[in-house]
C-alpha atoms as a PDB file:
ATOM      1  CA  UNK A   1      27.253 -31.977   7.322  1.00  0.00           C
ATOM      2  CA  UNK A   2      28.404 -28.385   7.034  1.00  0.00           C
ATOM      3  CA  UNK A   3      26.121 -25.401   7.573  1.00  0.00           C
ATOM      4  CA  UNK A   4      26.635 -24.334   3.972  1.00  0.00           C
ATOM      5  CA  UNK A   5      25.435 -27.660   2.578  1.00  0.00           C
ATOM      6  CA  UNK A   6      22.470 -27.648   4.964  1.00  0.00           C
ATOM      7  CA  UNK A   7      21.551 -24.158   3.735  1.00  0.00           C
ATOM      8  CA  UNK A   8      21.996 -25.433   0.195  1.00  0.00           C
ATOM      9  CA  UNK A   9      19.585 -28.268   0.862  1.00  0.00           C
ATOM     10  CA  UNK A  10      17.129 -25.709   2.215  1.00  0.00           C
ATOM     11  CA  UNK A  11      17.405 -23.722  -1.034  1.00  0.00           C
ATOM     12  CA  UNK A  12      17.038 -26.863  -3.122  1.00  0.00           C
ATOM     13  CA  UNK A  13      13.746 -27.623  -1.327  1.00  0.00           C
ATOM     14  CA  UNK A  14      12.510 -24.124  -2.124  1.00  0.00           C
ATOM     15  CA  UNK A  15      12.643 -24.695  -5.886  1.00  0.00           C
ATOM     16  CA  UNK A  16       9.232 -25.437  -7.276  1.00  0.00           C
ATOM     17  CA  UNK A  17       7.611 -25.440  -3.868  1.00  0.00           C
ATOM     18  CA  UNK A  18       4.051 -24.114  -3.902  1.00  0.00           C
ATOM     19  CA  UNK A  19       4.583 -22.591  -0.469  1.00  0.00           C
ATOM     20  CA  UNK A  20       7.711 -20.803  -1.716  1.00  0.00           C
ATOM     21  CA  UNK A  21       5.859 -19.327  -4.677  1.00  0.00           C
ATOM     22  CA  UNK A  22       3.045 -18.307  -2.342  1.00  0.00           C
ATOM     23  CA  UNK A  23       5.474 -16.644   0.087  1.00  0.00           C
ATOM     24  CA  UNK A  24       7.230 -14.744  -2.708  1.00  0.00           C
ATOM     25  CA  UNK A  25       3.943 -13.774  -4.330  1.00  0.00           C
ATOM     26  CA  UNK A  26       2.718 -12.380  -1.007  1.00  0.00           C
ATOM     27  CA  UNK A  27       5.881 -10.279  -0.808  1.00  0.00           C
ATOM     28  CA  UNK A  28       5.591  -8.898  -4.352  1.00  0.00           C
ATOM     29  CA  UNK A  29       1.806  -8.800  -4.831  1.00  0.00           C
ATOM     30  CA  UNK A  30       1.803  -5.001  -5.135  1.00  0.00           C
ATOM     31  CA  UNK A  31       4.211  -5.279  -8.068  1.00  0.00           C
ATOM     32  CA  UNK A  32       3.456  -8.549  -9.832  1.00  0.00           C
ATOM     33  CA  UNK A  33       3.331 -12.323  -9.678  1.00  0.00           C
ATOM     34  CA  UNK A  34       6.065 -14.969  -9.699  1.00  0.00           C
ATOM     35  CA  UNK A  35       5.361 -17.457 -12.479  1.00  0.00           C
ATOM     36  CA  UNK A  36       8.458 -19.662 -12.341  1.00  0.00           C
ATOM     37  CA  UNK A  37      11.387 -20.123  -9.965  1.00  0.00           C
ATOM     38  CA  UNK A  38      14.505 -22.242 -10.468  1.00  0.00           C
ATOM     39  CA  UNK A  39      17.341 -22.462  -7.950  1.00  0.00           C
ATOM     40  CA  UNK A  40      20.613 -24.167  -8.867  1.00  0.00           C
ATOM     41  CA  UNK A  41      22.494 -24.516  -5.582  1.00  0.00           C
ATOM     42  CA  UNK A  42      25.574 -26.043  -7.187  1.00  0.00           C
ATOM     43  CA  UNK A  43      25.844 -23.356  -9.858  1.00  0.00           C
ATOM     44  CA  UNK A  44      24.836 -20.618  -7.378  1.00  0.00           C
ATOM     45  CA  UNK A  45      22.193 -19.276  -9.768  1.00  0.00           C
ATOM     46  CA  UNK A  46      18.518 -18.419  -9.474  1.00  0.00           C
ATOM     47  CA  UNK A  47      16.166 -17.693 -12.361  1.00  0.00           C
ATOM     48  CA  UNK A  48      12.687 -16.270 -11.984  1.00  0.00           C
ATOM     49  CA  UNK A  49       9.929 -15.321 -14.381  1.00  0.00           C
ATOM     50  CA  UNK A  50       7.629 -12.582 -13.141  1.00  0.00           C
ATOM     51  CA  UNK A  51       4.618 -10.856 -14.646  1.00  0.00           C
ATOM     52  CA  UNK A  52       4.439  -7.277 -13.426  1.00  0.00           C
ATOM     53  CA  UNK A  53       1.030  -5.797 -12.681  1.00  0.00           C
ATOM     54  CA  UNK A  54      -0.320  -4.005 -15.743  1.00  0.00           C
ATOM     55  CA  UNK A  55       2.011  -5.874 -18.120  1.00  0.00           C
ATOM     56  CA  UNK A  56       1.036  -8.680 -20.462  1.00  0.00           C
ATOM     57  CA  UNK A  57       4.485 -10.135 -21.090  1.00  0.00           C
ATOM     58  CA  UNK A  58       6.627 -11.767 -18.392  1.00  0.00           C
ATOM     59  CA  UNK A  59      10.082 -10.519 -17.466  1.00  0.00           C
ATOM     60  CA  UNK A  60      13.059 -12.636 -16.511  1.00  0.00           C
ATOM     61  CA  UNK A  61      15.354 -12.138 -13.562  1.00  0.00           C
ATOM     62  CA  UNK A  62      18.602 -14.029 -13.094  1.00  0.00           C
ATOM     63  CA  UNK A  63      20.903 -14.166 -10.098  1.00  0.00           C
ATOM     64  CA  UNK A  64      24.274 -15.317 -11.410  1.00  0.00           C
ATOM     65  CA  UNK A  65      26.176 -15.504  -8.148  1.00  0.00           C
ATOM     66  CA  UNK A  66      25.022 -15.642  -4.549  1.00  0.00           C
ATOM     67  CA  UNK A  67      26.274 -16.666  -1.151  1.00  0.00           C
ATOM     68  CA  UNK A  68      24.285 -18.069   1.758  1.00  0.00           C
ATOM     69  CA  UNK A  69      25.105 -16.481   5.104  1.00  0.00           C
ATOM     70  CA  UNK A  70      23.646 -18.140   8.153  1.00  0.00           C
ATOM     71  CA  UNK A  71      23.691 -18.122  11.915  1.00  0.00           C
ATOM     72  CA  UNK A  72      21.844 -20.355  14.381  1.00  0.00           C
ATOM     73  CA  UNK A  73      18.374 -18.968  13.725  1.00  0.00           C
ATOM     74  CA  UNK A  74      18.357 -17.243  10.342  1.00  0.00           C
ATOM     75  CA  UNK A  75      19.865 -17.204   6.878  1.00  0.00           C
ATOM     76  CA  UNK A  76      20.418 -14.557   4.251  1.00  0.00           C
ATOM     77  CA  UNK A  77      21.298 -14.612   0.572  1.00  0.00           C
ATOM     78  CA  UNK A  78      24.011 -12.159  -0.455  1.00  0.00           C
ATOM     79  CA  UNK A  79      23.562 -11.416  -4.144  1.00  0.00           C
ATOM     80  CA  UNK A  80      26.855 -10.722  -5.911  1.00  0.00           C
ATOM     81  CA  UNK A  81      25.652 -10.589  -9.536  1.00  0.00           C
ATOM     82  CA  UNK A  82      22.191 -10.362 -11.073  1.00  0.00           C
ATOM     83  CA  UNK A  83      20.499  -9.175 -14.245  1.00  0.00           C
ATOM     84  CA  UNK A  84      17.153  -8.807 -15.968  1.00  0.00           C
ATOM     85  CA  UNK A  85      15.886  -8.543 -19.505  1.00  0.00           C
ATOM     86  CA  UNK A  86      14.648  -5.017 -18.634  1.00  0.00           C
ATOM     87  CA  UNK A  87      17.287  -2.233 -18.715  1.00  0.00           C
ATOM     88  CA  UNK A  88      15.452  -0.150 -16.109  1.00  0.00           C
ATOM     89  CA  UNK A  89      15.373  -3.118 -13.731  1.00  0.00           C
ATOM     90  CA  UNK A  90      19.104  -3.679 -14.186  1.00  0.00           C
ATOM     91  CA  UNK A  91      19.628  -0.163 -12.795  1.00  0.00           C
ATOM     92  CA  UNK A  92      17.483  -0.992  -9.750  1.00  0.00           C
ATOM     93  CA  UNK A  93      19.303  -4.292  -9.249  1.00  0.00           C
ATOM     94  CA  UNK A  94      22.694  -2.573  -9.304  1.00  0.00           C
ATOM     95  CA  UNK A  95      21.586   0.152  -6.900  1.00  0.00           C
ATOM     96  CA  UNK A  96      19.485  -1.810  -4.394  1.00  0.00           C
ATOM     97  CA  UNK A  97      20.202  -5.561  -4.724  1.00  0.00           C
ATOM     98  CA  UNK A  98      23.848  -6.274  -5.581  1.00  0.00           C
ATOM     99  CA  UNK A  99      25.906  -6.599  -2.412  1.00  0.00           C
ATOM    100  CA  UNK A 100      22.838  -6.603  -0.128  1.00  0.00           C
ATOM    101  CA  UNK A 101      21.828  -9.573   2.015  1.00  0.00           C
ATOM    102  CA  UNK A 102      18.204 -10.658   1.613  1.00  0.00           C
ATOM    103  CA  UNK A 103      17.073 -12.334   4.824  1.00  0.00           C
ATOM    104  CA  UNK A 104      14.925 -15.458   4.794  1.00  0.00           C
ATOM    105  CA  UNK A 105      12.026 -15.402   7.259  1.00  0.00           C
ATOM    106  CA  UNK A 106      13.217 -17.139  10.446  1.00  0.00           C
ATOM    107  CA  UNK A 107      10.046 -19.228  10.693  1.00  0.00           C
ATOM    108  CA  UNK A 108      10.623 -20.646   7.190  1.00  0.00           C
ATOM    109  CA  UNK A 109      14.139 -22.011   7.759  1.00  0.00           C
ATOM    110  CA  UNK A 110      14.599 -25.757   8.219  1.00  0.00           C
ATOM    111  CA  UNK A 111      18.138 -27.094   7.875  1.00  0.00           C
ATOM    112  CA  UNK A 112      17.261 -30.774   8.226  1.00  0.00           C
END
């Protein structure tokens, strides 16, 4: 089995996982809470619904193209295209997210 398909299986296991939501929520707790997460490994898309602190309505975030980059002990997600239903967030995505590799915590990676 190739490394790419093993990384894909890892991502597939993340979808809907309570521990994944917990991990993400710990990372973004100062900003908001992840309500829903869907990862489509075949389509290379990710959708997330987040409620920002102080807001009553959720916002949607969509990654439309990504690539998994891995070595022997870690993996990263390179985001090539993403968008939100908030214009101000689209500006942040373009400036800080597109073309940047987001590293997965090494202790959370299991390619089995």
